[in-house]
Amino acid sequence: MDDAGRYHLHLTLASGRGMHGWWNDEVTARRQFRGWVGERGRAGTRITLTDTADGTVIHRWPDEA
């Protein structure tokens, strides 16, 4: 688990620049994920929410399923 917080949110822009956020509360992390998608979700942007306790990707945008 990451000392900064269990839930890691990572945004990568097409330019290669990025942004990170960590939260201990899953509900808060999920809310932030939705906010980042709404505010920053554009073509070429990737946003991933990961549970650092076990490495599980909880959400990914755009959805690649």
PDB file of N, CA and C in Angstrom:
ATOM      1  N   MET A   1       0.851  -1.187   0.000  1.00  0.00           N
ATOM      2  CA  MET A   1       0.000   0.000   0.000  1.00  0.00           C
ATOM      3  C   MET A   1       0.889   1.240   0.000  1.00  0.00           C
ATOM      4  N   ASP A   2       0.472   2.243  -0.718  1.00  0.00           N
ATOM      5  CA  ASP A   2       1.199   3.496  -0.815  1.00  0.00           C
ATOM      6  C   ASP A   2       0.954   4.325   0.443  1.00  0.00           C
ATOM      7  N   ASP A   3       2.016   4.887   1.047  1.00  0.00           N
ATOM      8  CA  ASP A   3       1.870   5.690   2.258  1.00  0.00           C
ATOM      9  C   ASP A   3       1.015   6.923   2.043  1.00  0.00           C
ATOM     10  N   ALA A   4       0.955   7.424   0.805  1.00  0.00           N
ATOM     11  CA  ALA A   4       0.181   8.630   0.508  1.00  0.00           C
ATOM     12  C   ALA A   4      -1.317   8.364   0.568  1.00  0.00           C
ATOM     13  N   GLY A   5      -1.739   7.136   0.402  1.00  0.00           N
ATOM     14  CA  GLY A   5      -3.142   6.761   0.394  1.00  0.00           C
ATOM     15  C   GLY A   5      -3.313   5.482  -0.402  1.00  0.00           C
ATOM     16  N   ARG A   6      -4.289   4.709  -0.034  1.00  0.00           N
ATOM     17  CA  ARG A   6      -4.496   3.408  -0.665  1.00  0.00           C
ATOM     18  C   ARG A   6      -4.925   3.521  -2.122  1.00  0.00           C
ATOM     19  N   TYR A   7      -5.748   4.516  -2.437  1.00  0.00           N
ATOM     20  CA  TYR A   7      -6.330   4.629  -3.781  1.00  0.00           C
ATOM     21  C   TYR A   7      -5.593   5.695  -4.578  1.00  0.00           C
ATOM     22  N   HIS A   8      -4.995   5.272  -5.677  1.00  0.00           N
ATOM     23  CA  HIS A   8      -4.153   6.148  -6.493  1.00  0.00           C
ATOM     24  C   HIS A   8      -4.871   6.485  -7.786  1.00  0.00           C
ATOM     25  N   LEU A   9      -5.006   7.760  -8.044  1.00  0.00           N
ATOM     26  CA  LEU A   9      -5.620   8.265  -9.271  1.00  0.00           C
ATOM     27  C   LEU A   9      -4.510   8.874 -10.118  1.00  0.00           C
ATOM     28  N   HIS A  10      -4.419   8.434 -11.366  1.00  0.00           N
ATOM     29  CA  HIS A  10      -3.355   8.897 -12.257  1.00  0.00           C
ATOM     30  C   HIS A  10      -3.964   9.352 -13.577  1.00  0.00           C
ATOM     31  N   LEU A  11      -3.619  10.553 -13.986  1.00  0.00           N
ATOM     32  CA  LEU A  11      -4.080  11.117 -15.245  1.00  0.00           C
ATOM     33  C   LEU A  11      -2.856  11.357 -16.118  1.00  0.00           C
ATOM     34  N   THR A  12      -2.921  10.904 -17.368  1.00  0.00           N
ATOM     35  CA  THR A  12      -1.844  11.140 -18.324  1.00  0.00           C
ATOM     36  C   THR A  12      -2.419  11.811 -19.552  1.00  0.00           C
ATOM     37  N   LEU A  13      -1.845  12.934 -19.959  1.00  0.00           N
ATOM     38  CA  LEU A  13      -2.263  13.661 -21.150  1.00  0.00           C
ATOM     39  C   LEU A  13      -1.492  13.144 -22.369  1.00  0.00           C
ATOM     40  N   ALA A  14      -1.998  13.416 -23.546  1.00  0.00           N
ATOM     41  CA  ALA A  14      -1.329  13.002 -24.782  1.00  0.00           C
ATOM     42  C   ALA A  14       0.088  13.560 -24.851  1.00  0.00           C
ATOM     43  N   SER A  15       0.325  14.706 -24.255  1.00  0.00           N
ATOM     44  CA  SER A  15       1.649  15.333 -24.255  1.00  0.00           C
ATOM     45  C   SER A  15       2.651  14.607 -23.358  1.00  0.00           C
ATOM     46  N   GLY A  16       2.136  13.661 -22.549  1.00  0.00           N
ATOM     47  CA  GLY A  16       3.000  12.941 -21.625  1.00  0.00           C
ATOM     48  C   GLY A  16       2.988  13.524 -20.220  1.00  0.00           C
ATOM     49  N   ARG A  17       2.445  14.715 -20.083  1.00  0.00           N
ATOM     50  CA  ARG A  17       2.318  15.325 -18.755  1.00  0.00           C
ATOM     51  C   ARG A  17       1.258  14.580 -17.977  1.00  0.00           C
ATOM     52  N   GLY A  18       1.336  14.660 -16.669  1.00  0.00           N
ATOM     53  CA  GLY A  18       0.372  13.924 -15.868  1.00  0.00           C
ATOM     54  C   GLY A  18       0.067  14.574 -14.538  1.00  0.00           C
ATOM     55  N   MET A  19      -0.813  13.913 -13.808  1.00  0.00           N
ATOM     56  CA  MET A  19      -1.236  14.386 -12.507  1.00  0.00           C
ATOM     57  C   MET A  19      -1.565  13.154 -11.665  1.00  0.00           C
ATOM     58  N   HIS A  20      -1.283  13.222 -10.367  1.00  0.00           N
ATOM     59  CA  HIS A  20      -1.551  12.112  -9.452  1.00  0.00           C
ATOM     60  C   HIS A  20      -2.370  12.600  -8.269  1.00  0.00           C
ATOM     61  N   GLY A  21      -3.119  11.690  -7.682  1.00  0.00           N
ATOM     62  CA  GLY A  21      -3.813  11.950  -6.436  1.00  0.00           C
ATOM     63  C   GLY A  21      -3.940  10.650  -5.667  1.00  0.00           C
ATOM     64  N   TRP A  22      -3.892  10.730  -4.337  1.00  0.00           N
ATOM     65  CA  TRP A  22      -4.033   9.557  -3.491  1.00  0.00           C
ATOM     66  C   TRP A  22      -5.062   9.839  -2.412  1.00  0.00           C
ATOM     67  N   TRP A  23      -5.906   8.842  -2.148  1.00  0.00           N
ATOM     68  CA  TRP A  23      -6.918   8.952  -1.100  1.00  0.00           C
ATOM     69  C   TRP A  23      -6.966   7.654  -0.306  1.00  0.00           C
ATOM     70  N   ASN A  24      -7.268   7.760   0.966  1.00  0.00           N
ATOM     71  CA  ASN A  24      -7.437   6.572   1.805  1.00  0.00           C
ATOM     72  C   ASN A  24      -8.852   6.024   1.733  1.00  0.00           C
ATOM     73  N   ASP A  25      -9.806   6.858   1.355  1.00  0.00           N
ATOM     74  CA  ASP A  25     -11.210   6.477   1.312  1.00  0.00           C
ATOM     75  C   ASP A  25     -11.630   6.161  -0.126  1.00  0.00           C
ATOM     76  N   GLU A  26     -12.142   4.941  -0.353  1.00  0.00           N
ATOM     77  CA  GLU A  26     -12.514   4.533  -1.712  1.00  0.00           C
ATOM     78  C   GLU A  26     -13.646   5.375  -2.288  1.00  0.00           C
ATOM     79  N   VAL A  27     -14.631   5.722  -1.486  1.00  0.00           N
ATOM     80  CA  VAL A  27     -15.752   6.530  -1.971  1.00  0.00           C
ATOM     81  C   VAL A  27     -15.247   7.885  -2.475  1.00  0.00           C
ATOM     82  N   THR A  28     -14.356   8.495  -1.738  1.00  0.00           N
ATOM     83  CA  THR A  28     -13.784   9.774  -2.154  1.00  0.00           C
ATOM     84  C   THR A  28     -12.973   9.611  -3.432  1.00  0.00           C
ATOM     85  N   ALA A  29     -12.183   8.556  -3.518  1.00  0.00           N
ATOM     86  CA  ALA A  29     -11.366   8.312  -4.713  1.00  0.00           C
ATOM     87  C   ALA A  29     -12.245   8.112  -5.941  1.00  0.00           C
ATOM     88  N   ARG A  30     -13.335   7.368  -5.804  1.00  0.00           N
ATOM     89  CA  ARG A  30     -14.250   7.159  -6.933  1.00  0.00           C
ATOM     90  C   ARG A  30     -14.911   8.473  -7.362  1.00  0.00           C
ATOM     91  N   ARG A  31     -15.265   9.306  -6.393  1.00  0.00           N
ATOM     92  CA  ARG A  31     -15.864  10.602  -6.703  1.00  0.00           C
ATOM     93  C   ARG A  31     -14.849  11.479  -7.456  1.00  0.00           C
ATOM     94  N   GLN A  32     -13.607  11.463  -7.015  1.00  0.00           N
ATOM     95  CA  GLN A  32     -12.560  12.220  -7.695  1.00  0.00           C
ATOM     96  C   GLN A  32     -12.345  11.697  -9.120  1.00  0.00           C
ATOM     97  N   PHE A  33     -12.387  10.380  -9.299  1.00  0.00           N
ATOM     98  CA  PHE A  33     -12.241   9.793 -10.635  1.00  0.00           C
ATOM     99  C   PHE A  33     -13.317  10.353 -11.564  1.00  0.00           C
ATOM    100  N   ARG A  34     -14.568  10.325 -11.113  1.00  0.00           N
ATOM    101  CA  ARG A  34     -15.661  10.854 -11.941  1.00  0.00           C
ATOM    102  C   ARG A  34     -15.450  12.337 -12.240  1.00  0.00           C
ATOM    103  N   GLY A  35     -14.979  13.089 -11.253  1.00  0.00           N
ATOM    104  CA  GLY A  35     -14.718  14.511 -11.458  1.00  0.00           C
ATOM    105  C   GLY A  35     -13.620  14.749 -12.479  1.00  0.00           C
ATOM    106  N   TRP A  36     -12.558  13.977 -12.395  1.00  0.00           N
ATOM    107  CA  TRP A  36     -11.462  14.139 -13.349  1.00  0.00           C
ATOM    108  C   TRP A  36     -11.904  13.788 -14.755  1.00  0.00           C
ATOM    109  N   VAL A  37     -12.714  12.740 -14.903  1.00  0.00           N
ATOM    110  CA  VAL A  37     -13.221  12.380 -16.232  1.00  0.00           C
ATOM    111  C   VAL A  37     -14.068  13.518 -16.780  1.00  0.00           C
ATOM    112  N   GLY A  38     -14.964  14.059 -15.946  1.00  0.00           N
ATOM    113  CA  GLY A  38     -15.828  15.149 -16.385  1.00  0.00           C
ATOM    114  C   GLY A  38     -15.079  16.419 -16.722  1.00  0.00           C
ATOM    115  N   GLU A  39     -14.046  16.725 -15.957  1.00  0.00           N
ATOM    116  CA  GLU A  39     -13.302  17.970 -16.149  1.00  0.00           C
ATOM    117  C   GLU A  39     -12.169  17.858 -17.164  1.00  0.00           C
ATOM    118  N   ARG A  40     -11.526  16.690 -17.219  1.00  0.00           N
ATOM    119  CA  ARG A  40     -10.291  16.574 -18.008  1.00  0.00           C
ATOM    120  C   ARG A  40     -10.334  15.483 -19.067  1.00  0.00           C
ATOM    121  N   GLY A  41     -11.425  14.744 -19.131  1.00  0.00           N
ATOM    122  CA  GLY A  41     -11.520  13.646 -20.085  1.00  0.00           C
ATOM    123  C   GLY A  41     -11.641  14.153 -21.515  1.00  0.00           C
ATOM    124  N   ARG A  42     -10.587  14.031 -22.273  1.00  0.00           N
ATOM    125  CA  ARG A  42     -10.533  14.469 -23.672  1.00  0.00           C
ATOM    126  C   ARG A  42      -9.828  13.380 -24.473  1.00  0.00           C
ATOM    127  N   ALA A  43      -9.909  13.471 -25.771  1.00  0.00           N
ATOM    128  CA  ALA A  43      -9.176  12.531 -26.622  1.00  0.00           C
ATOM    129  C   ALA A  43      -7.692  12.601 -26.258  1.00  0.00           C
ATOM    130  N   GLY A  44      -7.080  11.451 -26.096  1.00  0.00           N
ATOM    131  CA  GLY A  44      -5.671  11.377 -25.759  1.00  0.00           C
ATOM    132  C   GLY A  44      -5.373  11.360 -24.272  1.00  0.00           C
ATOM    133  N   THR A  45      -6.390  11.556 -23.442  1.00  0.00           N
ATOM    134  CA  THR A  45      -6.217  11.532 -21.992  1.00  0.00           C
ATOM    135  C   THR A  45      -6.534  10.140 -21.464  1.00  0.00           C
ATOM    136  N   ARG A  46      -5.748   9.694 -20.499  1.00  0.00           N
ATOM    137  CA  ARG A  46      -6.004   8.409 -19.833  1.00  0.00           C
ATOM    138  C   ARG A  46      -6.088   8.671 -18.340  1.00  0.00           C
ATOM    139  N   ILE A  47      -7.104   8.098 -17.687  1.00  0.00           N
ATOM    140  CA  ILE A  47      -7.288   8.265 -16.250  1.00  0.00           C
ATOM    141  C   ILE A  47      -7.483   6.876 -15.651  1.00  0.00           C
ATOM    142  N   THR A  48      -6.709   6.576 -14.610  1.00  0.00           N
ATOM    143  CA  THR A  48      -6.771   5.259 -13.987  1.00  0.00           C
ATOM    144  C   THR A  48      -6.866   5.403 -12.475  1.00  0.00           C
ATOM    145  N   LEU A  49      -7.776   4.624 -11.869  1.00  0.00           N
ATOM    146  CA  LEU A  49      -7.906   4.546 -10.414  1.00  0.00           C
ATOM    147  C   LEU A  49      -7.482   3.145 -10.000  1.00  0.00           C
ATOM    148  N   THR A  50      -6.462   3.067  -9.134  1.00  0.00           N
ATOM    149  CA  THR A  50      -5.890   1.788  -8.729  1.00  0.00           C
ATOM    150  C   THR A  50      -5.915   1.642  -7.212  1.00  0.00           C
ATOM    151  N   ASP A  51      -6.232   0.433  -6.754  1.00  0.00           N
ATOM    152  CA  ASP A  51      -6.124   0.081  -5.339  1.00  0.00           C
ATOM    153  C   ASP A  51      -4.683  -0.370  -5.123  1.00  0.00           C
ATOM    154  N   THR A  52      -3.881   0.438  -4.440  1.00  0.00           N
ATOM    155  CA  THR A  52      -2.463   0.125  -4.290  1.00  0.00           C
ATOM    156  C   THR A  52      -2.211  -1.031  -3.324  1.00  0.00           C
ATOM    157  N   ALA A  53      -3.226  -1.447  -2.569  1.00  0.00           N
ATOM    158  CA  ALA A  53      -3.045  -2.568  -1.649  1.00  0.00           C
ATOM    159  C   ALA A  53      -2.778  -3.863  -2.401  1.00  0.00           C
ATOM    160  N   ASP A  54      -3.417  -4.022  -3.558  1.00  0.00           N
ATOM    161  CA  ASP A  54      -3.229  -5.260  -4.327  1.00  0.00           C
ATOM    162  C   ASP A  54      -2.971  -5.017  -5.818  1.00  0.00           C
ATOM    163  N   GLY A  55      -2.909  -3.736  -6.230  1.00  0.00           N
ATOM    164  CA  GLY A  55      -2.619  -3.407  -7.624  1.00  0.00           C
ATOM    165  C   GLY A  55      -3.804  -3.503  -8.569  1.00  0.00           C
ATOM    166  N   THR A  56      -4.994  -3.718  -8.043  1.00  0.00           N
ATOM    167  CA  THR A  56      -6.196  -3.838  -8.863  1.00  0.00           C
ATOM    168  C   THR A  56      -6.586  -2.497  -9.465  1.00  0.00           C
ATOM    169  N   VAL A  57      -6.824  -2.474 -10.781  1.00  0.00           N
ATOM    170  CA  VAL A  57      -7.350  -1.283 -11.431  1.00  0.00           C
ATOM    171  C   VAL A  57      -8.857  -1.286 -11.203  1.00  0.00           C
ATOM    172  N   ILE A  58      -9.357  -0.270 -10.527  1.00  0.00           N
ATOM    173  CA  ILE A  58     -10.784  -0.169 -10.214  1.00  0.00           C
ATOM    174  C   ILE A  58     -11.551   0.422 -11.373  1.00  0.00           C
ATOM    175  N   HIS A  59     -11.022   1.511 -11.937  1.00  0.00           N
ATOM    176  CA  HIS A  59     -11.640   2.165 -13.099  1.00  0.00           C
ATOM    177  C   HIS A  59     -10.547   2.645 -14.026  1.00  0.00           C
ATOM    178  N   ARG A  60     -10.899   2.694 -15.313  1.00  0.00           N
ATOM    179  CA  ARG A  60      -9.984   3.193 -16.331  1.00  0.00           C
ATOM    180  C   ARG A  60     -10.813   3.990 -17.326  1.00  0.00           C
ATOM    181  N   TRP A  61     -10.311   5.150 -17.722  1.00  0.00           N
ATOM    182  CA  TRP A  61     -10.990   5.952 -18.745  1.00  0.00           C
ATOM    183  C   TRP A  61      -9.968   6.346 -19.796  1.00  0.00           C
ATOM    184  N   PRO A  62     -10.245   6.204 -21.051  1.00  0.00           N
ATOM    185  CA  PRO A  62     -11.479   5.586 -21.543  1.00  0.00           C
ATOM    186  C   PRO A  62     -11.491   4.092 -21.250  1.00  0.00           C
ATOM    187  N   ASP A  63     -12.687   3.560 -21.134  1.00  0.00           N
ATOM    188  CA  ASP A  63     -12.860   2.140 -20.847  1.00  0.00           C
ATOM    189  C   ASP A  63     -12.320   1.337 -22.009  1.00  0.00           C
ATOM    190  N   GLU A  64     -11.396   0.452 -21.731  1.00  0.00           N
ATOM    191  CA  GLU A  64     -10.761  -0.340 -22.783  1.00  0.00           C
ATOM    192  C   GLU A  64     -11.277  -1.763 -22.842  1.00  0.00           C
ATOM    193  N   ALA A  65     -12.393  -2.021 -22.213  1.00  0.00           N
ATOM    194  CA  ALA A  65     -12.944  -3.390 -22.182  1.00  0.00           C
ATOM    195  C   ALA A  65     -13.471  -3.815 -23.520  1.00  0.00           C
TER     196      ALA A  65
END
